[in-house]
Amino acid sequence: MLATKKKQAVIKKNQIHDKDTGSPEVQVAVLSVQIDLLAKHLKKHKKDNHSRRGLIKMVADRRTHLKYLERKSKPRYVALMKKMELA
């Protein structure tokens, strides 16, 4: 689980304007942090299949947001990929 302060910091870093919490950039950033935390957890707890399922759902959700952003605004997609170092 992502702590509130850490989540707010990630949102603040990736938001487009001051009240932005739902743009694809913010959602991808938050999902990426959660994916990293869960991946570390799964390296330690290899048999935790319930968390593994959650990880797979998060990765699919992030991929969906990235496809949407690529379709709607290619420059924002490219900028996000460079910023998040996903490509």
C-alpha atoms as a PDB file:
ATOM      1  CA  MET A   1       0.000   0.000   0.000  1.00  0.00           C
ATOM      2  CA  LEU A   2       1.214   3.456  -0.868  1.00  0.00           C
ATOM      3  CA  ALA A   3       1.405   5.921   2.035  1.00  0.00           C
ATOM      4  CA  THR A   4      -0.685   9.075   1.694  1.00  0.00           C
ATOM      5  CA  LYS A   5       2.267  11.480   1.891  1.00  0.00           C
ATOM      6  CA  LYS A   6       4.249   9.526  -0.693  1.00  0.00           C
ATOM      7  CA  LYS A   7       1.227   9.352  -3.000  1.00  0.00           C
ATOM      8  CA  GLN A   8       0.679  13.108  -2.666  1.00  0.00           C
ATOM      9  CA  ALA A   9       4.337  13.711  -3.515  1.00  0.00           C
ATOM     10  CA  VAL A  10       4.029  11.569  -6.663  1.00  0.00           C
ATOM     11  CA  ILE A  11       0.848  13.404  -7.659  1.00  0.00           C
ATOM     12  CA  LYS A  12       2.465  16.815  -7.019  1.00  0.00           C
ATOM     13  CA  LYS A  13       5.461  15.847  -9.170  1.00  0.00           C
ATOM     14  CA  ASN A  14       3.366  14.696 -12.156  1.00  0.00           C
ATOM     15  CA  GLN A  15       0.284  16.899 -12.140  1.00  0.00           C
ATOM     16  CA  ILE A  16      -0.486  19.243 -15.014  1.00  0.00           C
ATOM     17  CA  HIS A  17      -2.185  21.939 -12.883  1.00  0.00           C
ATOM     18  CA  ASP A  18      -2.574  22.415  -9.106  1.00  0.00           C
ATOM     19  CA  LYS A  19      -5.844  20.483  -8.691  1.00  0.00           C
ATOM     20  CA  ASP A  20      -4.980  17.681 -11.114  1.00  0.00           C
ATOM     21  CA  THR A  21      -5.360  14.208  -9.614  1.00  0.00           C
ATOM     22  CA  GLY A  22      -6.945  12.252 -12.449  1.00  0.00           C
ATOM     23  CA  SER A  23      -4.963  12.925 -15.593  1.00  0.00           C
ATOM     24  CA  PRO A  24      -3.384   9.905 -17.282  1.00  0.00           C
ATOM     25  CA  GLU A  25       0.085  11.172 -16.332  1.00  0.00           C
ATOM     26  CA  VAL A  26      -0.775  11.209 -12.624  1.00  0.00           C
ATOM     27  CA  GLN A  27      -2.523   7.850 -12.759  1.00  0.00           C
ATOM     28  CA  VAL A  28       0.394   6.199 -14.560  1.00  0.00           C
ATOM     29  CA  ALA A  29       2.861   7.682 -12.063  1.00  0.00           C
ATOM     30  CA  VAL A  30       0.880   6.447  -9.037  1.00  0.00           C
ATOM     31  CA  LEU A  31       0.415   3.000 -10.587  1.00  0.00           C
ATOM     32  CA  SER A  32       4.142   2.801 -11.386  1.00  0.00           C
ATOM     33  CA  VAL A  33       5.083   3.495  -7.762  1.00  0.00           C
ATOM     34  CA  GLN A  34       2.565   0.917  -6.533  1.00  0.00           C
ATOM     35  CA  ILE A  35       3.863  -1.623  -9.059  1.00  0.00           C
ATOM     36  CA  ASP A  36       7.440  -1.078  -7.860  1.00  0.00           C
ATOM     37  CA  LEU A  37       6.431  -1.582  -4.215  1.00  0.00           C
ATOM     38  CA  LEU A  38       4.440  -4.709  -4.984  1.00  0.00           C
ATOM     39  CA  ALA A  39       7.245  -6.143  -7.135  1.00  0.00           C
ATOM     40  CA  LYS A  40       9.659  -5.749  -4.202  1.00  0.00           C
ATOM     41  CA  HIS A  41       7.141  -7.476  -1.933  1.00  0.00           C
ATOM     42  CA  LEU A  42       6.777 -10.375  -4.371  1.00  0.00           C
ATOM     43  CA  LYS A  43      10.535 -10.881  -4.588  1.00  0.00           C
ATOM     44  CA  LYS A  44      10.524 -11.560  -0.871  1.00  0.00           C
ATOM     45  CA  HIS A  45       7.215 -13.469  -0.743  1.00  0.00           C
ATOM     46  CA  LYS A  46       7.293 -15.667  -3.828  1.00  0.00           C
ATOM     47  CA  LYS A  47       4.143 -17.657  -3.020  1.00  0.00           C
ATOM     48  CA  ASP A  48       1.833 -14.676  -2.457  1.00  0.00           C
ATOM     49  CA  ASN A  49      -0.456 -15.344  -5.401  1.00  0.00           C
ATOM     50  CA  HIS A  50      -3.179 -12.914  -4.311  1.00  0.00           C
ATOM     51  CA  SER A  51      -0.740  -9.996  -4.452  1.00  0.00           C
ATOM     52  CA  ARG A  52       0.627 -11.316  -7.759  1.00  0.00           C
ATOM     53  CA  ARG A  53      -2.883 -11.094  -9.220  1.00  0.00           C
ATOM     54  CA  GLY A  54      -3.148  -7.494  -7.997  1.00  0.00           C
ATOM     55  CA  LEU A  55       0.196  -6.701  -9.610  1.00  0.00           C
ATOM     56  CA  ILE A  56      -0.969  -8.099 -12.942  1.00  0.00           C
ATOM     57  CA  LYS A  57      -4.160  -6.011 -12.732  1.00  0.00           C
ATOM     58  CA  MET A  58      -2.142  -2.858 -11.981  1.00  0.00           C
ATOM     59  CA  VAL A  59       0.212  -3.471 -14.904  1.00  0.00           C
ATOM     60  CA  ALA A  60      -2.770  -3.973 -17.218  1.00  0.00           C
ATOM     61  CA  ASP A  61      -4.405  -0.801 -15.894  1.00  0.00           C
ATOM     62  CA  ARG A  62      -1.213   1.202 -16.427  1.00  0.00           C
ATOM     63  CA  ARG A  63      -0.919  -0.178 -19.966  1.00  0.00           C
ATOM     64  CA  THR A  64      -4.523   0.893 -20.652  1.00  0.00           C
ATOM     65  CA  HIS A  65      -3.826   4.433 -19.440  1.00  0.00           C
ATOM     66  CA  LEU A  66      -0.674   4.608 -21.578  1.00  0.00           C
ATOM     67  CA  LYS A  67      -2.530   3.428 -24.689  1.00  0.00           C
ATOM     68  CA  TYR A  68      -5.218   6.045 -24.074  1.00  0.00           C
ATOM     69  CA  LEU A  69      -2.638   8.797 -23.679  1.00  0.00           C
ATOM     70  CA  GLU A  70      -0.772   7.672 -26.797  1.00  0.00           C
ATOM     71  CA  ARG A  71      -4.013   7.760 -28.780  1.00  0.00           C
ATOM     72  CA  LYS A  72      -5.115  11.184 -27.483  1.00  0.00           C
ATOM     73  CA  SER A  73      -1.825  13.089 -27.268  1.00  0.00           C
ATOM     74  CA  LYS A  74       1.379  11.637 -28.674  1.00  0.00           C
ATOM     75  CA  PRO A  75       3.696  14.424 -27.340  1.00  0.00           C
ATOM     76  CA  ARG A  76       2.380  13.990 -23.768  1.00  0.00           C
ATOM     77  CA  TYR A  77       2.818  10.213 -24.113  1.00  0.00           C
ATOM     78  CA  VAL A  78       6.432  10.555 -25.265  1.00  0.00           C
ATOM     79  CA  ALA A  79       7.192  13.053 -22.489  1.00  0.00           C
ATOM     80  CA  LEU A  80       5.689  10.740 -19.857  1.00  0.00           C
ATOM     81  CA  MET A  81       7.595   7.713 -21.135  1.00  0.00           C
ATOM     82  CA  LYS A  82      10.874   9.647 -20.880  1.00  0.00           C
ATOM     83  CA  LYS A  83      10.018  11.073 -17.453  1.00  0.00           C
ATOM     84  CA  MET A  84       8.950   7.716 -15.980  1.00  0.00           C
ATOM     85  CA  GLU A  85      11.729   5.820 -17.811  1.00  0.00           C
ATOM     86  CA  LEU A  86       9.246   3.174 -18.989  1.00  0.00           C
ATOM     87  CA  ALA A  87      10.577   2.767 -22.504  1.00  0.00           C
END
